[in-house]
Amino acid sequence: MARHNGRGWHGRVLAAALGVTAVATAASVWTAQADPSGSGHASGRPSASAGGTAGAGAQGGGAAKVAVTIAHASDRGERGVNITIDDGPDPTWTPQVLQVLREYGVKATFCMVGPQAKAHPDLVKAVVAAGHRLCDHTVSHDTAMDHKSEAYQSQQIVDAERMITEASGGVRPMYYRAPGGAFTPYSRSLAASHGMRPLGWNVDSKDFERPGAAAIVATVEHEMANGPTVLFHDAGGDRSQTVAALREVLPWLKQQGYSFGFPVR
């Protein structure tokens, strides 16, 4: 998957956050949960699972060990689908995405950028109240995190976790998704030690590029064979195409016999 480099909104978030972030590349796997080497890099096609658990802490407060490997599988099994929504919350688009999910009875995982969560705690609480899960998507959405120091990576992940947890009223993120898939062994281990399973994706809807709702739908339908975790966005610009595409994708997935779940932990 292409990293989200050079996009203006992410640059503004990076500048606003005053220097924090690092990490390396995610993969695509239908049932596997990480690349076989455990390096944090992945090929974008099916690979073998790797083991390993670390850490404590889960959404809602209790201690829970989670694997350090990158999750792609669904807790609903082979016909499960994980809808993931990145980069928000956004006061315009997150409520519309929540409304579509509500209409179709779908739960999703929201990968939130720390300052966005801090600025819109009402939306974070609304996401939690609707039964969706939270994911740490760092402070600055720096897609070059994997080329930066461990101290920088730690600040990006831990500070975002704190912002999201405070904004939610005490509900902690259950996952960590590196911007652009820029995972490193260190960032995966750190996230897992905080009870956040590293989270990849199998299907990039390409909604960030705003190719039109029909093109987004076609991409998802064509790529679903790659695996269950689908990437959408609810911030970073006009997401009206994403909202329109979700209205078509969600019922189509149901018609194909898929059920909606959450990424494995």
Protein backbone atom coordinates (compact mmCIF):
# COMPACT_ATOMS: atom_id res chain seq x y z
CA MET A 1 0.00 0.00 0.00
CA ALA A 2 1.21 3.49 -0.76
CA ARG A 3 2.06 5.70 2.13
CA HIS A 4 0.10 8.92 2.55
CA ASN A 5 3.11 11.16 1.95
CA GLY A 6 2.89 14.76 0.81
CA ARG A 7 -0.76 15.34 1.59
CA GLY A 8 -1.41 18.80 2.92
CA TRP A 9 -3.65 17.94 5.87
CA HIS A 10 -1.12 15.53 7.31
CA GLY A 11 1.59 18.14 6.90
CA ARG A 12 -0.49 20.63 8.86
CA VAL A 13 -1.08 18.10 11.63
CA LEU A 14 2.64 17.37 11.72
CA ALA A 15 3.48 21.06 12.03
CA ALA A 16 0.82 21.63 14.68
CA ALA A 17 2.07 18.77 16.80
CA LEU A 18 5.64 20.16 17.00
CA GLY A 19 7.80 17.22 16.40
CA VAL A 20 6.84 13.75 17.60
CA THR A 21 6.76 10.30 15.44
CA ALA A 22 8.41 7.21 13.58
CA VAL A 23 7.72 3.50 12.25
CA ALA A 24 7.90 0.84 9.05
CA THR A 25 5.40 -1.02 6.53
CA ALA A 26 2.13 -2.97 6.91
CA ALA A 27 0.85 -5.94 4.92
CA SER A 28 -2.13 -7.69 3.43
CA VAL A 29 -3.14 -11.14 4.67
CA TRP A 30 -6.53 -12.86 4.81
CA THR A 31 -5.95 -15.12 7.83
CA ALA A 32 -2.35 -14.32 8.78
CA GLN A 33 -1.59 -11.78 11.44
CA ALA A 34 1.92 -10.66 10.49
CA ASP A 35 4.86 -11.19 8.18
CA PRO A 36 6.83 -14.36 8.86
CA SER A 37 10.00 -12.55 9.89
CA GLY A 38 8.22 -10.44 12.51
CA SER A 39 10.21 -7.47 11.22
CA GLY A 40 7.22 -5.16 10.91
CA HIS A 41 7.43 -5.12 7.10
CA ALA A 42 5.02 -6.98 4.86
CA SER A 43 4.53 -7.72 1.20
CA GLY A 44 0.87 -6.84 0.63
CA ARG A 45 -0.04 -10.45 -0.18
CA PRO A 46 -0.75 -13.50 2.01
CA SER A 47 2.03 -14.56 4.35
CA ALA A 48 2.44 -16.89 7.30
CA SER A 49 1.37 -15.99 10.83
CA ALA A 50 3.90 -15.16 13.50
CA GLY A 51 3.40 -15.57 17.22
CA GLY A 52 4.22 -13.41 20.18
CA THR A 53 2.32 -11.49 22.82
CA ALA A 54 3.21 -8.64 25.08
CA GLY A 55 1.73 -5.94 27.22
CA ALA A 56 -1.30 -5.13 29.30
CA GLY A 57 -4.30 -2.86 29.16
CA ALA A 58 -7.42 -2.93 27.01
CA GLN A 59 -10.30 -0.71 25.97
CA GLY A 60 -12.41 -0.18 29.03
CA GLY A 61 -9.53 -0.61 31.45
CA GLY A 62 -8.74 -4.28 32.18
CA ALA A 63 -5.30 -5.76 31.66
CA ALA A 64 -4.91 -7.83 28.51
CA LYS A 65 -1.94 -9.29 26.69
CA VAL A 66 -1.92 -8.71 22.96
CA ALA A 67 0.32 -9.98 20.19
CA VAL A 68 3.12 -7.79 18.84
CA THR A 69 2.51 -9.01 15.30
CA ILE A 70 0.46 -6.96 12.84
CA ALA A 71 -3.20 -7.98 12.88
CA HIS A 72 -5.15 -8.45 9.67
CA ALA A 73 -7.64 -11.19 10.55
CA SER A 74 -11.20 -10.69 11.79
CA ASP A 75 -12.61 -12.03 15.02
CA ARG A 76 -15.59 -13.22 12.91
CA GLY A 77 -13.48 -15.74 11.06
CA GLU A 78 -12.94 -16.28 7.34
CA ARG A 79 -16.15 -14.50 6.29
CA GLY A 80 -15.62 -11.63 8.68
CA VAL A 81 -14.88 -8.06 7.61
CA ASN A 82 -13.21 -5.33 9.67
CA ILE A 83 -14.23 -1.79 8.71
CA THR A 84 -11.53 0.65 9.83
CA ILE A 85 -11.81 4.44 9.67
CA ASP A 86 -8.65 6.57 9.84
CA ASP A 87 -7.46 10.09 10.63
CA GLY A 88 -10.40 11.58 12.54
CA PRO A 89 -12.42 12.42 14.35
CA ASP A 90 -13.71 15.24 12.16
CA PRO A 91 -16.74 17.36 13.10
CA THR A 92 -18.19 17.24 9.58
CA TRP A 93 -17.50 13.70 8.43
CA THR A 94 -17.30 11.51 11.53
CA PRO A 95 -20.99 12.04 12.42
CA GLN A 96 -21.97 11.13 8.86
CA VAL A 97 -19.85 7.98 8.92
CA LEU A 98 -21.35 7.06 12.29
CA GLN A 99 -24.85 7.54 10.86
CA VAL A 100 -24.17 5.19 7.92
CA LEU A 101 -22.68 2.56 10.23
CA ARG A 102 -25.74 2.88 12.48
CA GLU A 103 -28.14 2.46 9.56
CA TYR A 104 -26.55 -0.84 8.56
CA GLY A 105 -25.83 -2.12 12.06
CA VAL A 106 -22.07 -2.20 11.50
CA LYS A 107 -19.38 -1.73 14.15
CA ALA A 108 -16.01 -0.32 13.08
CA THR A 109 -12.57 0.52 14.41
CA PHE A 110 -11.70 4.24 14.42
CA CYS A 111 -7.97 4.97 14.15
CA MET A 112 -7.71 8.45 15.63
CA VAL A 113 -5.01 11.08 15.41
CA GLY A 114 -4.26 12.38 18.91
CA PRO A 115 -4.81 16.13 18.41
CA GLN A 116 -8.03 15.45 16.49
CA ALA A 117 -9.34 13.40 19.41
CA LYS A 118 -8.28 16.08 21.88
CA ALA A 119 -10.06 18.76 19.85
CA HIS A 120 -13.30 16.75 19.51
CA PRO A 121 -13.87 14.71 22.69
CA ASP A 122 -17.62 14.68 22.04
CA LEU A 123 -17.03 12.72 18.84
CA VAL A 124 -14.66 10.28 20.55
CA LYS A 125 -17.30 9.63 23.18
CA ALA A 126 -19.94 9.20 20.46
CA VAL A 127 -17.78 6.58 18.73
CA VAL A 128 -17.39 4.65 21.99
CA ALA A 129 -21.07 4.99 22.92
CA ALA A 130 -22.05 3.48 19.57
CA GLY A 131 -20.03 0.34 20.32
CA HIS A 132 -17.08 1.01 18.01
CA ARG A 133 -13.45 0.47 19.01
CA LEU A 134 -10.61 2.96 19.28
CA CYS A 135 -7.19 2.77 17.67
CA ASP A 136 -4.10 4.94 18.21
CA HIS A 137 -2.98 6.56 14.94
CA THR A 138 -0.21 8.70 16.50
CA VAL A 139 0.08 12.41 17.17
CA SER A 140 1.34 13.77 13.86
CA HIS A 141 0.50 11.12 11.25
CA ASP A 142 4.16 10.99 10.25
CA THR A 143 4.56 8.33 7.54
CA ALA A 144 8.35 8.43 8.00
CA MET A 145 8.26 7.28 11.63
CA ASP A 146 10.24 4.17 10.79
CA HIS A 147 13.24 6.35 9.95
CA LYS A 148 13.21 8.19 13.28
CA SER A 149 14.42 7.53 16.81
CA GLU A 150 12.75 5.22 19.27
CA ALA A 151 12.21 8.20 21.57
CA TYR A 152 10.27 9.93 18.80
CA GLN A 153 8.22 6.83 18.07
CA SER A 154 7.43 6.46 21.75
CA GLN A 155 6.29 10.06 22.08
CA GLN A 156 4.04 9.74 19.04
CA ILE A 157 2.37 6.56 20.23
CA VAL A 158 2.13 7.20 23.96
CA ASP A 159 1.04 10.84 23.68
CA ALA A 160 -1.69 9.92 21.19
CA GLU A 161 -2.85 7.11 23.45
CA ARG A 162 -3.15 9.58 26.32
CA MET A 163 -5.04 12.15 24.22
CA ILE A 164 -7.51 9.56 22.92
CA THR A 165 -8.04 8.03 26.37
CA GLU A 166 -8.67 11.42 27.96
CA ALA A 167 -11.01 12.48 25.15
CA SER A 168 -13.01 9.24 25.47
CA GLY A 169 -13.48 9.67 29.19
CA GLY A 170 -11.14 6.83 30.10
CA VAL A 171 -11.65 4.28 27.30
CA ARG A 172 -8.27 3.25 25.95
CA PRO A 173 -7.37 2.39 22.35
CA MET A 174 -7.29 -1.34 21.65
CA TYR A 175 -5.10 -1.11 18.53
CA TYR A 176 -2.19 0.86 17.09
CA ARG A 177 -1.98 1.64 13.38
CA ALA A 178 1.22 3.20 12.08
CA PRO A 179 0.64 6.03 9.59
CA GLY A 180 1.17 4.69 6.09
CA GLY A 181 2.02 1.30 7.58
CA ALA A 182 5.33 2.63 8.92
CA PHE A 183 5.74 -0.02 11.63
CA THR A 184 9.00 -0.96 13.31
CA PRO A 185 9.73 -3.86 15.68
CA TYR A 186 10.14 -1.26 18.43
CA SER A 187 6.82 0.49 17.78
CA ARG A 188 4.97 -2.81 17.59
CA SER A 189 6.44 -3.96 20.87
CA LEU A 190 5.75 -0.62 22.55
CA ALA A 191 2.14 -0.58 21.39
CA ALA A 192 1.58 -4.16 22.53
CA SER A 193 3.06 -3.35 25.93
CA HIS A 194 0.29 -0.74 26.25
CA GLY A 195 -2.38 -3.28 25.31
CA MET A 196 -2.71 -2.04 21.71
CA ARG A 197 -2.47 -4.69 18.97
CA PRO A 198 -0.59 -3.43 15.89
CA LEU A 199 -3.19 -3.15 13.13
CA GLY A 200 -2.61 -3.43 9.39
CA TRP A 201 -5.04 -3.53 6.48
CA ASN A 202 -5.73 -5.74 3.49
CA VAL A 203 -7.91 -3.51 1.32
CA ASP A 204 -7.10 0.16 0.74
CA SER A 205 -10.30 1.73 -0.59
CA LYS A 206 -8.23 4.61 -2.01
CA ASP A 207 -10.92 6.95 -0.72
CA PHE A 208 -8.24 9.41 0.38
CA GLU A 209 -7.57 10.19 -3.27
CA ARG A 210 -11.25 11.05 -3.88
CA PRO A 211 -11.58 9.10 -7.15
CA GLY A 212 -15.39 9.13 -6.92
CA ALA A 213 -17.72 6.96 -4.87
CA ALA A 214 -18.16 4.44 -7.69
CA ALA A 215 -14.39 3.97 -7.97
CA ILE A 216 -14.08 3.48 -4.21
CA VAL A 217 -16.81 0.84 -4.26
CA ALA A 218 -15.20 -0.92 -7.24
CA THR A 219 -11.81 -0.98 -5.51
CA VAL A 220 -13.25 -2.59 -2.38
CA GLU A 221 -15.23 -5.17 -4.36
CA HIS A 222 -12.18 -6.06 -6.46
CA GLU A 223 -9.73 -6.23 -3.53
CA MET A 224 -11.82 -8.09 -0.95
CA ALA A 225 -10.09 -11.34 -1.87
CA ASN A 226 -6.93 -9.87 -0.29
CA GLY A 227 -8.37 -10.04 3.22
CA PRO A 228 -10.88 -8.73 5.71
CA THR A 229 -9.54 -5.42 7.00
CA VAL A 230 -10.72 -2.49 4.88
CA LEU A 231 -9.30 1.02 5.14
CA PHE A 232 -11.45 4.17 4.87
CA HIS A 233 -11.00 7.75 6.13
CA ASP A 234 -13.26 10.20 7.98
CA ALA A 235 -10.90 13.20 7.96
CA GLY A 236 -8.18 14.91 5.96
CA GLY A 237 -10.48 16.69 3.52
CA ASP A 238 -13.85 16.23 1.85
CA ARG A 239 -15.00 12.70 2.73
CA SER A 240 -18.41 12.88 1.05
CA GLN A 241 -17.29 10.22 -1.42
CA THR A 242 -16.40 7.92 1.48
CA VAL A 243 -19.84 8.38 3.03
CA ALA A 244 -21.52 7.65 -0.32
CA ALA A 245 -19.30 4.62 -0.93
CA LEU A 246 -20.03 3.15 2.50
CA ARG A 247 -23.75 3.28 1.71
CA GLU A 248 -23.07 0.93 -1.19
CA VAL A 249 -20.23 -1.17 0.20
CA LEU A 250 -21.85 -2.18 3.49
CA PRO A 251 -25.02 -3.72 2.02
CA TRP A 252 -22.97 -5.31 -0.78
CA LEU A 253 -20.74 -7.03 1.76
CA LYS A 254 -23.81 -8.34 3.58
CA GLN A 255 -25.23 -9.64 0.29
CA GLN A 256 -21.96 -11.50 -0.31
CA GLY A 257 -22.36 -13.33 2.97
CA TYR A 258 -19.84 -11.38 5.03
CA SER A 259 -20.38 -10.45 8.66
CA PHE A 260 -18.81 -7.48 10.40
CA GLY A 261 -16.37 -7.84 13.25
CA PHE A 262 -13.26 -6.36 14.79
CA PRO A 263 -9.59 -7.10 14.15
CA VAL A 264 -8.19 -9.93 16.24
CA ARG A 265 -6.23 -9.04 19.35
